[in-house]
C-alpha atoms as a PDB file:
ATOM      1  CA  MET A   1      -0.157   0.009   0.037  1.00  0.00           C
ATOM      2  CA  ILE A   2       1.343   3.410  -1.056  1.00  0.00           C
ATOM      3  CA  ALA A   3       0.277   5.455   2.047  1.00  0.00           C
ATOM      4  CA  THR A   4      -1.343   4.460   5.354  1.00  0.00           C
ATOM      5  CA  SER A   5      -5.297   3.888   5.143  1.00  0.00           C
ATOM      6  CA  ASP A   6      -7.466   4.860   7.715  1.00  0.00           C
ATOM      7  CA  ILE A   7      -8.008   1.167   9.048  1.00  0.00           C
ATOM      8  CA  ALA A   8      -4.069   0.797   9.306  1.00  0.00           C
ATOM      9  CA  ILE A   9      -3.933   4.245  11.660  1.00  0.00           C
ATOM     10  CA  LEU A  10      -6.651   3.160  13.670  1.00  0.00           C
ATOM     11  CA  GLU A  11      -5.129  -0.640  14.186  1.00  0.00           C
ATOM     12  CA  PHE A  12      -2.146   0.820  14.814  1.00  0.00           C
ATOM     13  CA  LEU A  13      -3.289   2.920  17.868  1.00  0.00           C
ATOM     14  CA  LEU A  14      -4.895   0.021  19.073  1.00  0.00           C
ATOM     15  CA  ARG A  15      -1.763  -2.170  18.891  1.00  0.00           C
ATOM     16  CA  GLY A  16      -0.154   0.935  20.598  1.00  0.00           C
ATOM     17  CA  GLY A  17       3.108   0.348  18.274  1.00  0.00           C
ATOM     18  CA  ALA A  18       5.925  -1.841  19.646  1.00  0.00           C
ATOM     19  CA  ARG A  19       5.326  -1.326  23.229  1.00  0.00           C
ATOM     20  CA  ARG A  20       1.404  -2.505  23.130  1.00  0.00           C
ATOM     21  CA  LYS A  21       0.780   0.894  24.959  1.00  0.00           C
ATOM     22  CA  GLN A  22      -2.143   3.004  23.415  1.00  0.00           C
ATOM     23  CA  GLY A  23      -0.821   6.207  22.224  1.00  0.00           C
ATOM     24  CA  THR A  24      -2.203   9.596  20.896  1.00  0.00           C
ATOM     25  CA  LEU A  25      -4.807  10.100  17.625  1.00  0.00           C
ATOM     26  CA  VAL A  26      -4.310  13.144  16.353  1.00  0.00           C
ATOM     27  CA  THR A  27      -6.654  14.668  14.027  1.00  0.00           C
ATOM     28  CA  LEU A  28      -6.425  17.912  11.401  1.00  0.00           C
ATOM     29  CA  THR A  29      -9.574  20.173  12.526  1.00  0.00           C
ATOM     30  CA  GLY A  30      -8.670  23.663  11.204  1.00  0.00           C
ATOM     31  CA  ILE A  31      -7.166  24.912   8.074  1.00  0.00           C
ATOM     32  CA  ILE A  32      -6.087  28.707   7.696  1.00  0.00           C
ATOM     33  CA  GLY A  33      -4.680  29.236   4.145  1.00  0.00           C
ATOM     34  CA  SER A  34      -3.445  26.159   2.364  1.00  0.00           C
ATOM     35  CA  SER A  35      -2.663  22.598   3.519  1.00  0.00           C
ATOM     36  CA  PRO A  36      -1.100  19.688   2.313  1.00  0.00           C
ATOM     37  CA  ARG A  37      -3.844  17.335   3.594  1.00  0.00           C
ATOM     38  CA  ALA A  38      -7.698  17.295   3.857  1.00  0.00           C
ATOM     39  CA  LEU A  39      -9.820  18.731   7.141  1.00  0.00           C
ATOM     40  CA  GLY A  40      -9.939  15.909   9.372  1.00  0.00           C
ATOM     41  CA  ALA A  41      -6.613  13.597   8.179  1.00  0.00           C
ATOM     42  CA  GLN A  42      -5.075  11.933  11.091  1.00  0.00           C
ATOM     43  CA  MET A  43      -2.037  10.410  12.500  1.00  0.00           C
ATOM     44  CA  ALA A  44      -1.486   7.849  15.471  1.00  0.00           C
ATOM     45  CA  VAL A  45       1.577   8.432  17.399  1.00  0.00           C
ATOM     46  CA  ALA A  46       2.338   5.321  20.080  1.00  0.00           C
ATOM     47  CA  THR A  47       4.223   6.095  23.392  1.00  0.00           C
ATOM     48  CA  ASP A  48       7.359   4.824  22.065  1.00  0.00           C
ATOM     49  CA  GLY A  49       7.372   7.652  19.200  1.00  0.00           C
ATOM     50  CA  SER A  50       6.630   5.593  16.424  1.00  0.00           C
ATOM     51  CA  PHE A  51       3.527   6.832  13.973  1.00  0.00           C
ATOM     52  CA  ALA A  52       1.258   5.874  11.561  1.00  0.00           C
ATOM     53  CA  GLY A  53       0.143   9.043   8.708  1.00  0.00           C
ATOM     54  CA  SER A  54       0.866  12.041   8.030  1.00  0.00           C
ATOM     55  CA  LEU A  55      -0.365  15.714   8.707  1.00  0.00           C
ATOM     56  CA  SER A  56       2.162  17.360   6.192  1.00  0.00           C
ATOM     57  CA  GLY A  57       4.887  16.713   3.775  1.00  0.00           C
ATOM     58  CA  GLY A  58       7.045  16.031   6.381  1.00  0.00           C
ATOM     59  CA  CYS A  59       7.896  19.369   7.858  1.00  0.00           C
ATOM     60  CA  LEU A  60       5.737  18.908  10.929  1.00  0.00           C
ATOM     61  CA  GLU A  61       6.088  15.260  12.007  1.00  0.00           C
ATOM     62  CA  ALA A  62       8.749  15.596  14.512  1.00  0.00           C
ATOM     63  CA  ALA A  63       7.015  18.221  16.124  1.00  0.00           C
ATOM     64  CA  ILE A  64       3.543  16.801  16.023  1.00  0.00           C
ATOM     65  CA  VAL A  65       5.281  13.647  17.747  1.00  0.00           C
ATOM     66  CA  ALA A  66       6.773  15.615  20.594  1.00  0.00           C
ATOM     67  CA  GLU A  67       3.084  16.910  21.352  1.00  0.00           C
ATOM     68  CA  ALA A  68       1.581  13.823  21.405  1.00  0.00           C
ATOM     69  CA  LEU A  69       3.748  12.415  23.971  1.00  0.00           C
ATOM     70  CA  ALA A  70       3.408  15.393  26.083  1.00  0.00           C
ATOM     71  CA  ALA A  71      -0.326  14.927  25.409  1.00  0.00           C
ATOM     72  CA  HIS A  72       0.104  11.469  26.531  1.00  0.00           C
ATOM     73  CA  SER A  73       2.176  12.170  29.712  1.00  0.00           C
ATOM     74  CA  ALA A  74      -0.474  14.521  31.046  1.00  0.00           C
ATOM     75  CA  ARG A  75      -3.502  12.115  29.839  1.00  0.00           C
ATOM     76  CA  CYS A  76      -5.273  15.664  28.687  1.00  0.00           C
ATOM     77  CA  PRO A  77      -6.694  16.226  25.356  1.00  0.00           C
ATOM     78  CA  ARG A  78      -5.061  19.530  23.846  1.00  0.00           C
ATOM     79  CA  LEU A  79      -5.914  21.585  20.840  1.00  0.00           C
ATOM     80  CA  VAL A  80      -2.375  23.337  19.267  1.00  0.00           C
ATOM     81  CA  ARG A  81      -2.223  25.716  16.242  1.00  0.00           C
ATOM     82  CA  PHE A  82       0.737  25.159  14.191  1.00  0.00           C
ATOM     83  CA  GLY A  83       2.241  27.436  11.757  1.00  0.00           C
ATOM     84  CA  ALA A  84       0.429  31.223  10.821  1.00  0.00           C
ATOM     85  CA  GLY A  85      -0.882  31.975  14.759  1.00  0.00           C
ATOM     86  CA  SER A  86       1.029  29.381  16.483  1.00  0.00           C
ATOM     87  CA  PRO A  87       2.830  30.150  19.577  1.00  0.00           C
ATOM     88  CA  PHE A  88       5.812  28.082  18.507  1.00  0.00           C
ATOM     89  CA  ILE A  89       7.676  30.510  16.478  1.00  0.00           C
ATOM     90  CA  ASP A  90      10.185  28.429  15.105  1.00  0.00           C
ATOM     91  CA  ILE A  91       7.816  25.740  13.688  1.00  0.00           C
ATOM     92  CA  ARG A  92       6.592  27.322  10.024  1.00  0.00           C
ATOM     93  CA  LEU A  93       4.490  25.620   7.297  1.00  0.00           C
ATOM     94  CA  PRO A  94       6.508  26.486   3.715  1.00  0.00           C
ATOM     95  CA  CYS A  95       2.901  27.440   2.596  1.00  0.00           C
ATOM     96  CA  GLY A  96       2.330  30.041   4.935  1.00  0.00           C
ATOM     97  CA  GLY A  97      -0.832  28.502   6.240  1.00  0.00           C
ATOM     98  CA  GLY A  98      -1.922  27.306  10.217  1.00  0.00           C
ATOM     99  CA  LEU A  99      -3.041  24.223  10.678  1.00  0.00           C
ATOM    100  CA  ASP A 100      -5.133  23.363  14.214  1.00  0.00           C
ATOM    101  CA  LEU A 101      -4.592  19.898  15.510  1.00  0.00           C
ATOM    102  CA  LEU A 102      -6.698  17.871  18.209  1.00  0.00           C
ATOM    103  CA  PHE A 103      -4.529  15.423  20.509  1.00  0.00           C
ATOM    104  CA  ASN A 104      -6.638  12.879  21.540  1.00  0.00           C
ATOM    105  CA  PRO A 105      -4.445  10.558  24.342  1.00  0.00           C
ATOM    106  CA  ALA A 106      -5.377   6.828  24.774  1.00  0.00           C
ATOM    107  CA  PRO A 107      -8.969   7.177  22.856  1.00  0.00           C
ATOM    108  CA  GLU A 108     -11.607   4.912  23.741  1.00  0.00           C
ATOM    109  CA  PRO A 109     -10.782   1.255  22.395  1.00  0.00           C
ATOM    110  CA  GLN A 110     -14.166   0.151  21.866  1.00  0.00           C
ATOM    111  CA  ALA A 111     -14.732   3.437  19.826  1.00  0.00           C
ATOM    112  CA  LEU A 112     -11.856   2.567  17.558  1.00  0.00           C
ATOM    113  CA  GLU A 113     -12.831  -0.829  17.106  1.00  0.00           C
ATOM    114  CA  GLY A 114     -16.272   0.164  16.220  1.00  0.00           C
ATOM    115  CA  VAL A 115     -15.091   2.055  13.630  1.00  0.00           C
ATOM    116  CA  ILE A 116     -12.783  -0.572  12.392  1.00  0.00           C
ATOM    117  CA  ARG A 117     -15.696  -3.471  12.409  1.00  0.00           C
ATOM    118  CA  SER A 118     -17.857  -0.503  10.417  1.00  0.00           C
ATOM    119  CA  LEU A 119     -15.271  -0.394   7.629  1.00  0.00           C
ATOM    120  CA  ARG A 120     -14.574  -3.719   7.098  1.00  0.00           C
ATOM    121  CA  ASP A 121     -18.181  -4.478   6.984  1.00  0.00           C
ATOM    122  CA  ARG A 122     -18.182  -1.901   4.078  1.00  0.00           C
ATOM    123  CA  GLN A 123     -20.411   0.427   6.303  1.00  0.00           C
ATOM    124  CA  PRO A 124     -19.787   4.169   6.958  1.00  0.00           C
ATOM    125  CA  ALA A 125     -18.656   5.136  10.550  1.00  0.00           C
ATOM    126  CA  ALA A 126     -17.777   8.224  12.678  1.00  0.00           C
ATOM    127  CA  LEU A 127     -15.590   9.284  15.499  1.00  0.00           C
ATOM    128  CA  ALA A 128     -16.977  12.524  17.825  1.00  0.00           C
ATOM    129  CA  LEU A 129     -13.198  13.719  19.181  1.00  0.00           C
ATOM    130  CA  SER A 130     -13.642  15.826  22.634  1.00  0.00           C
ATOM    131  CA  LEU A 131     -11.002  18.095  24.592  1.00  0.00           C
ATOM    132  CA  ALA A 132     -13.401  16.414  27.446  1.00  0.00           C
ATOM    133  CA  ALA A 133     -13.385  12.723  28.777  1.00  0.00           C
ATOM    134  CA  PRO A 134     -14.187   9.986  27.371  1.00  0.00           C
ATOM    135  CA  PHE A 135     -12.148  11.853  24.311  1.00  0.00           C
ATOM    136  CA  ALA A 136     -13.722   9.642  21.512  1.00  0.00           C
ATOM    137  CA  GLN A 137     -17.061   8.336  21.130  1.00  0.00           C
ATOM    138  CA  GLN A 138     -18.517   6.415  17.880  1.00  0.00           C
ATOM    139  CA  ALA A 139     -21.069   9.257  16.191  1.00  0.00           C
ATOM    140  CA  PRO A 140     -23.694   8.526  13.755  1.00  0.00           C
ATOM    141  CA  PRO A 141     -22.030   8.808  10.175  1.00  0.00           C
ATOM    142  CA  GLY A 142     -23.422  10.811   7.185  1.00  0.00           C
ATOM    143  CA  LYS A 143     -22.100  14.135   8.513  1.00  0.00           C
ATOM    144  CA  PRO A 144     -19.173  16.137   6.888  1.00  0.00           C
ATOM    145  CA  ALA A 145     -15.880  16.753   9.130  1.00  0.00           C
ATOM    146  CA  GLY A 146     -16.201  19.470  11.280  1.00  0.00           C
ATOM    147  CA  TRP A 147     -16.970  20.852  15.038  1.00  0.00           C
ATOM    148  CA  LYS A 148     -20.450  19.817  16.317  1.00  0.00           C
ATOM    149  CA  LYS A 149     -21.396  21.053  19.777  1.00  0.00           C
ATOM    150  CA  GLY A 150     -18.093  20.861  21.519  1.00  0.00           C
ATOM    151  CA  ALA A 151     -16.972  17.786  19.345  1.00  0.00           C
ATOM    152  CA  PHE A 152     -15.004  17.588  15.965  1.00  0.00           C
ATOM    153  CA  LEU A 153     -16.699  14.891  14.093  1.00  0.00           C
ATOM    154  CA  ARG A 154     -14.589  12.758  11.961  1.00  0.00           C
ATOM    155  CA  PRO A 155     -16.623  10.921   9.330  1.00  0.00           C
ATOM    156  CA  TYR A 156     -14.987   7.779   7.548  1.00  0.00           C
ATOM    157  CA  ARG A 157     -15.934   5.819   4.389  1.00  0.00           C
ATOM    158  CA  PRO A 158     -15.307   2.293   3.642  1.00  0.00           C
ATOM    159  CA  PRO A 159     -12.189   1.294   1.567  1.00  0.00           C
ATOM    160  CA  LEU A 160     -12.531   2.145  -2.441  1.00  0.00           C
ATOM    161  CA  ARG A 161     -13.232  -1.486  -3.715  1.00  0.00           C
ATOM    162  CA  ILE A 162     -12.499  -2.511  -7.465  1.00  0.00           C
ATOM    163  CA  VAL A 163     -13.896  -5.780  -9.237  1.00  0.00           C
ATOM    164  CA  ALA A 164     -12.047  -6.713 -12.132  1.00  0.00           C
ATOM    165  CA  LEU A 165     -13.332  -8.965 -14.845  1.00  0.00           C
ATOM    166  CA  GLY A 166     -11.305 -10.737 -17.473  1.00  0.00           C
ATOM    167  CA  GLU A 167      -8.416 -12.774 -18.441  1.00  0.00           C
ATOM    168  CA  GLY A 168      -4.534 -12.548 -18.510  1.00  0.00           C
ATOM    169  CA  GLU A 169      -2.110 -10.158 -18.106  1.00  0.00           C
ATOM    170  CA  ASP A 170      -4.426  -6.672 -18.248  1.00  0.00           C
ATOM    171  CA  LEU A 171      -6.657  -8.298 -15.791  1.00  0.00           C
ATOM    172  CA  ALA A 172      -3.216  -9.383 -13.433  1.00  0.00           C
ATOM    173  CA  ALA A 173      -1.835  -5.818 -13.992  1.00  0.00           C
ATOM    174  CA  LEU A 174      -5.058  -3.902 -12.982  1.00  0.00           C
ATOM    175  CA  VAL A 175      -5.466  -5.967  -9.721  1.00  0.00           C
ATOM    176  CA  ARG A 176      -1.724  -5.629  -8.945  1.00  0.00           C
ATOM    177  CA  LEU A 177      -1.518  -1.953  -9.315  1.00  0.00           C
ATOM    178  CA  ALA A 178      -5.313  -1.328  -7.546  1.00  0.00           C
ATOM    179  CA  ALA A 179      -3.892  -3.140  -4.452  1.00  0.00           C
ATOM    180  CA  ALA A 180      -0.626  -1.441  -4.423  1.00  0.00           C
ATOM    181  CA  PHE A 181      -2.387   1.712  -4.492  1.00  0.00           C
ATOM    182  CA  GLY A 182      -4.816   0.432  -1.443  1.00  0.00           C
ATOM    183  CA  THR A 183      -7.831  -0.618  -3.054  1.00  0.00           C
ATOM    184  CA  GLU A 184      -9.802  -3.669  -1.847  1.00  0.00           C
ATOM    185  CA  THR A 185      -9.509  -6.029  -5.073  1.00  0.00           C
ATOM    186  CA  ILE A 186     -11.398  -8.924  -6.280  1.00  0.00           C
ATOM    187  CA  ALA A 187     -10.903 -10.405  -9.805  1.00  0.00           C
ATOM    188  CA  LEU A 188     -13.133 -12.695 -11.364  1.00  0.00           C
ATOM    189  CA  THR A 189     -11.767 -14.737 -14.244  1.00  0.00           C
ATOM    190  CA  PRO A 190     -11.773 -17.994 -15.791  1.00  0.00           C
ATOM    191  CA  ASP A 191      -8.066 -17.748 -16.504  1.00  0.00           C
ATOM    192  CA  ARG A 192      -6.842 -20.712 -13.876  1.00  0.00           C
ATOM    193  CA  LEU A 193      -3.155 -19.797 -14.507  1.00  0.00           C
ATOM    194  CA  ILE A 194      -3.741 -16.182 -13.554  1.00  0.00           C
ATOM    195  CA  THR A 195      -6.164 -17.080 -11.053  1.00  0.00           C
ATOM    196  CA  GLU A 196      -2.768 -19.208  -9.576  1.00  0.00           C
ATOM    197  CA  ARG A 197      -0.540 -16.388 -10.129  1.00  0.00           C
ATOM    198  CA  LEU A 198      -2.815 -13.779  -8.028  1.00  0.00           C
ATOM    199  CA  ARG A 199      -3.722 -16.061  -5.414  1.00  0.00           C
ATOM    200  CA  CYS A 200      -0.396 -16.859  -4.667  1.00  0.00           C
ATOM    201  CA  GLU A 201       0.438 -12.981  -4.521  1.00  0.00           C
ATOM    202  CA  GLY A 202      -2.566 -12.647  -1.885  1.00  0.00           C
ATOM    203  CA  HIS A 203      -5.088 -11.245  -3.779  1.00  0.00           C
ATOM    204  CA  GLU A 204      -8.630 -12.437  -4.005  1.00  0.00           C
ATOM    205  CA  VAL A 205      -9.736 -13.987  -6.987  1.00  0.00           C
ATOM    206  CA  VAL A 206     -13.114 -15.852  -7.922  1.00  0.00           C
ATOM    207  CA  LEU A 207     -12.444 -18.484 -10.599  1.00  0.00           C
ATOM    208  CA  LEU A 208     -15.571 -18.320 -12.786  1.00  0.00           C
ATOM    209  CA  GLU A 209     -16.308 -22.036 -14.106  1.00  0.00           C
ATOM    210  CA  THR A 210     -19.025 -21.406 -15.985  1.00  0.00           C
ATOM    211  CA  ASN A 211     -20.808 -18.242 -17.633  1.00  0.00           C
ATOM    212  CA  ASP A 212     -24.457 -19.034 -16.252  1.00  0.00           C
ATOM    213  CA  ARG A 213     -23.301 -19.068 -12.313  1.00  0.00           C
ATOM    214  CA  ARG A 214     -22.842 -15.196 -10.998  1.00  0.00           C
ATOM    215  CA  PRO A 215     -20.874 -15.347  -8.271  1.00  0.00           C
ATOM    216  CA  GLY A 216     -21.802 -13.536  -4.919  1.00  0.00           C
ATOM    217  CA  LEU A 217     -21.070  -9.922  -5.116  1.00  0.00           C
ATOM    218  CA  ILE A 218     -22.650  -7.165  -3.368  1.00  0.00           C
ATOM    219  CA  GLY A 219     -22.270  -3.536  -4.612  1.00  0.00           C
ATOM    220  CA  ASP A 220     -22.147   0.047  -2.686  1.00  0.00           C
ATOM    221  CA  ASP A 221     -21.257   3.243  -3.275  1.00  0.00           C
ATOM    222  CA  ARG A 222     -17.388   2.889  -3.108  1.00  0.00           C
ATOM    223  CA  THR A 223     -17.697  -0.088  -5.592  1.00  0.00           C
ATOM    224  CA  ALA A 224     -16.308  -0.057  -9.285  1.00  0.00           C
ATOM    225  CA  ILE A 225     -16.418  -2.792 -11.861  1.00  0.00           C
ATOM    226  CA  VAL A 226     -14.822  -2.886 -15.041  1.00  0.00           C
ATOM    227  CA  SER A 227     -14.645  -5.582 -17.503  1.00  0.00           C
ATOM    228  CA  LEU A 228     -11.297  -6.159 -19.443  1.00  0.00           C
ATOM    229  CA  PHE A 229     -13.015  -9.203 -21.289  1.00  0.00           C
ATOM    230  CA  HIS A 230     -12.239  -9.732 -24.934  1.00  0.00           C
ATOM    231  CA  ASP A 231     -14.397 -13.005 -24.745  1.00  0.00           C
ATOM    232  CA  ARG A 232     -17.778 -11.816 -25.530  1.00  0.00           C
ATOM    233  CA  GLU A 233     -19.758 -14.951 -24.383  1.00  0.00           C
ATOM    234  CA  TRP A 234     -18.505 -14.073 -20.772  1.00  0.00           C
ATOM    235  CA  GLU A 235     -19.070 -10.235 -20.909  1.00  0.00           C
ATOM    236  CA  GLU A 236     -22.658 -10.868 -22.867  1.00  0.00           C
ATOM    237  CA  ALA A 237     -23.395 -13.156 -19.858  1.00  0.00           C
ATOM    238  CA  LEU A 238     -22.076 -10.997 -16.921  1.00  0.00           C
ATOM    239  CA  LEU A 239     -22.416  -7.281 -18.052  1.00  0.00           C
ATOM    240  CA  PRO A 240     -26.058  -7.154 -17.392  1.00  0.00           C
ATOM    241  CA  TRP A 241     -26.341  -8.309 -14.091  1.00  0.00           C
ATOM    242  CA  LEU A 242     -22.885  -6.372 -13.147  1.00  0.00           C
ATOM    243  CA  LEU A 243     -25.071  -3.340 -14.575  1.00  0.00           C
ATOM    244  CA  ARG A 244     -27.775  -3.858 -12.010  1.00  0.00           C
ATOM    245  CA  LEU A 245     -25.734  -3.746  -8.866  1.00  0.00           C
ATOM    246  CA  PRO A 246     -25.618  -0.307  -7.170  1.00  0.00           C
ATOM    247  CA  VAL A 247     -22.215   0.713  -7.512  1.00  0.00           C
ATOM    248  CA  PHE A 248     -20.909   3.985  -8.400  1.00  0.00           C
ATOM    249  CA  TYR A 249     -18.685   2.943 -11.723  1.00  0.00           C
ATOM    250  CA  VAL A 250     -18.978   0.400 -14.525  1.00  0.00           C
ATOM    251  CA  GLY A 251     -16.669   0.174 -17.313  1.00  0.00           C
ATOM    252  CA  ALA A 252     -15.616  -2.338 -20.247  1.00  0.00           C
ATOM    253  CA  VAL A 253     -12.481  -1.734 -22.027  1.00  0.00           C
ATOM    254  CA  GLY A 254     -12.646  -2.009 -26.262  1.00  0.00           C
ATOM    255  CA  SER A 255     -12.694  -0.536 -29.472  1.00  0.00           C
ATOM    256  CA  ARG A 256     -15.123   1.944 -30.818  1.00  0.00           C
ATOM    257  CA  ARG A 257     -16.803  -1.258 -33.085  1.00  0.00           C
ATOM    258  CA  ARG A 258     -16.743  -3.366 -29.845  1.00  0.00           C
ATOM    259  CA  HIS A 259     -18.546  -0.619 -27.618  1.00  0.00           C
ATOM    260  CA  GLU A 260     -21.251  -0.508 -30.497  1.00  0.00           C
ATOM    261  CA  MET A 261     -21.717  -4.113 -30.589  1.00  0.00           C
ATOM    262  CA  ARG A 262     -21.794  -4.177 -26.666  1.00  0.00           C
ATOM    263  CA  TYR A 263     -24.179  -1.456 -26.724  1.00  0.00           C
ATOM    264  CA  LYS A 264     -26.745  -3.524 -29.366  1.00  0.00           C
ATOM    265  CA  MET A 265     -26.321  -6.388 -27.080  1.00  0.00           C
ATOM    266  CA  LEU A 266     -27.168  -4.617 -23.923  1.00  0.00           C
ATOM    267  CA  ARG A 267     -30.106  -3.125 -25.381  1.00  0.00           C
ATOM    268  CA  ARG A 268     -31.423  -6.332 -26.384  1.00  0.00           C
ATOM    269  CA  GLN A 269     -31.179  -7.619 -23.010  1.00  0.00           C
ATOM    270  CA  MET A 270     -31.722  -4.499 -21.188  1.00  0.00           C
ATOM    271  CA  PRO A 271     -34.796  -2.814 -23.069  1.00  0.00           C
ATOM    272  CA  HIS A 272     -36.316  -0.915 -20.418  1.00  0.00           C
ATOM    273  CA  GLU A 273     -32.909   0.526 -18.886  1.00  0.00           C
ATOM    274  CA  ASP A 274     -30.652   3.176 -19.729  1.00  0.00           C
ATOM    275  CA  VAL A 275     -27.700   1.426 -20.475  1.00  0.00           C
ATOM    276  CA  ALA A 276     -26.024   4.173 -21.556  1.00  0.00           C
ATOM    277  CA  ALA A 277     -26.257   6.193 -18.510  1.00  0.00           C
ATOM    278  CA  ARG A 278     -24.846   3.023 -16.567  1.00  0.00           C
ATOM    279  CA  LEU A 279     -21.924   1.968 -18.458  1.00  0.00           C
ATOM    280  CA  ARG A 280     -18.764   3.940 -18.981  1.00  0.00           C
ATOM    281  CA  MET A 281     -18.124   3.341 -22.980  1.00  0.00           C
ATOM    282  CA  SER A 282     -14.800   5.311 -22.685  1.00  0.00           C
ATOM    283  CA  VAL A 283     -12.829   3.829 -20.161  1.00  0.00           C
ATOM    284  CA  GLY A 284      -9.341   5.106 -18.684  1.00  0.00           C
ATOM    285  CA  THR A 285      -7.656   8.544 -18.791  1.00  0.00           C
ATOM    286  CA  ILE A 286      -4.986   7.867 -21.062  1.00  0.00           C
ATOM    287  CA  PRO A 287      -5.865   7.255 -25.134  1.00  0.00           C
ATOM    288  CA  ALA A 288      -5.273   4.200 -26.879  1.00  0.00           C
ATOM    289  CA  ALA A 289      -3.450   2.687 -23.855  1.00  0.00           C
ATOM    290  CA  ARG A 290      -2.164  -1.054 -25.042  1.00  0.00           C
ATOM    291  CA  ASP A 291       0.286  -2.376 -22.649  1.00  0.00           C
ATOM    292  CA  PRO A 292      -1.285  -4.029 -19.687  1.00  0.00           C
ATOM    293  CA  SER A 293       0.842  -1.721 -17.215  1.00  0.00           C
ATOM    294  CA  THR A 294      -0.577   1.899 -18.906  1.00  0.00           C
ATOM    295  CA  LEU A 295      -3.744   0.353 -19.339  1.00  0.00           C
ATOM    296  CA  ALA A 296      -4.141  -0.442 -15.800  1.00  0.00           C
ATOM    297  CA  LEU A 297      -2.896   3.134 -14.531  1.00  0.00           C
ATOM    298  CA  SER A 298      -5.370   4.738 -16.876  1.00  0.00           C
ATOM    299  CA  ILE A 299      -8.131   2.801 -15.799  1.00  0.00           C
ATOM    300  CA  LEU A 300      -7.328   3.252 -11.766  1.00  0.00           C
ATOM    301  CA  ALA A 301      -6.754   6.995 -12.888  1.00  0.00           C
ATOM    302  CA  GLN A 302     -10.266   7.410 -13.630  1.00  0.00           C
ATOM    303  CA  ILE A 303     -11.666   5.443 -11.077  1.00  0.00           C
ATOM    304  CA  VAL A 304     -10.185   7.469  -8.665  1.00  0.00           C
ATOM    305  CA  ALA A 305     -11.043  10.792 -10.023  1.00  0.00           C
ATOM    306  CA  VAL A 306     -14.649   9.605 -10.483  1.00  0.00           C
ATOM    307  CA  ASP A 307     -14.863   8.529  -6.760  1.00  0.00           C
ATOM    308  CA  ALA A 308     -13.295  11.776  -5.970  1.00  0.00           C
ATOM    309  CA  ALA A 309     -15.562  13.736  -7.771  1.00  0.00           C
ATOM    310  CA  SER A 310     -18.682  11.823  -6.250  1.00  0.00           C
ATOM    311  CA  ALA A 311     -17.221  12.669  -2.906  1.00  0.00           C
ATOM    312  CA  VAL A 312     -17.311  16.056  -3.639  1.00  0.00           C
ATOM    313  CA  GLY A 313     -20.443  16.042  -5.219  1.00  0.00           C
ATOM    314  CA  GLU A 314     -22.460  14.188  -2.262  1.00  0.00           C
ATOM    315  CA  ARG A 315     -20.989  16.605   0.256  1.00  0.00           C
ATOM    316  CA  ALA A 316     -22.199  19.972  -1.489  1.00  0.00           C
ATOM    317  CA  ALA A 317     -25.366  18.445  -2.137  1.00  0.00           C
ATOM    318  CA  ARG A 318     -25.701  17.006   1.973  1.00  0.00           C
ATOM    319  CA  ASP A 319     -24.721  21.003   2.915  1.00  0.00           C
ATOM    320  CA  ALA A 320     -26.885  22.514   0.554  1.00  0.00           C
ATOM    321  CA  GLY A 321     -29.963  19.769   2.467  1.00  0.00           C
ATOM    322  CA  ASP A 322     -30.651  18.011  -0.610  1.00  0.00           C
ATOM    323  CA  LEU A 323     -29.074  14.452   0.695  1.00  0.00           C
ATOM    324  CA  PRO A 324     -30.402  12.965   3.911  1.00  0.00           C
ATOM    325  CA  ASN A 325     -27.549  12.288   6.403  1.00  0.00           C
ATOM    326  CA  GLN A 326     -27.091   8.702   5.876  1.00  0.00           C
ATOM    327  CA  SER A 327     -25.199   6.449   3.904  1.00  0.00           C
ATOM    328  CA  ILE A 328     -26.204   5.739  -0.002  1.00  0.00           C
ATOM    329  CA  GLY A 329     -24.807   2.421  -0.140  1.00  0.00           C
ATOM    330  CA  ALA A 330     -26.445  -0.861  -0.757  1.00  0.00           C
ATOM    331  CA  HIS A 331     -26.031  -3.645   1.379  1.00  0.00           C
END
């Protein structure tokens, strides 16, 4: 994984680093000017000084660790400004901005465990982080990050998940790259050789024995599905079913002629559904990507961009009162 995930940060805090003593959860709760991290970004600092996550590009982490250890020794939460407007005149951010960081020593393990459990079940979750005991409590999901009635609400979204269908090196390259990026990956393939290779590497693979049996798959609003099949029979059997799952992205690779044939097939099988609105006929961000690694990068970049745009749009709609404060995922 390229960067530390939310689940990994909370698990690190529960483990307490090398000394197995629960440390301090540090949360970005305010931004003045610009910031390399978004509101709600977190670090976990163990009592031995080791940490997981980051809140700057490397210019603040040492000072954050020192402050976290001090907060843990005092057993008292604290809110500290770094950068513009900070009492620490020797610590300045290159961008000239300021960050407010909330330090919560030894947050309630039950609250952390509850969030981790929800995320592993692909459900949204939230923590209410306070300057008063018990420092951290689970909160109903759905609200954006921010201060609410004396506590900072930190929402968590389930990990991005990519379900990739296909055969050969195209499939393997996408699964490997997506997993390295930090997504949950599931490969669906009739290719026994690729199945064996990917499973040996630790990836989740479902071997498709026949095209008339659908594997168990539950969609949600952080799941993307992409078909890399060149075999029309497999795609024609599976794609109509996949298009009916409540996921945020369904794409299929192929030439313009292949897309036209695919669209006609889907219109026959799904005459009363808006296929064009559900299926992306233009997959990837790099035109005419032909080698497996470039194709994988192109597809992954598009999926991440669509996911980020949908999150921004959902937050904007919710802030305007157009969406209920609850998950839109389907389980």
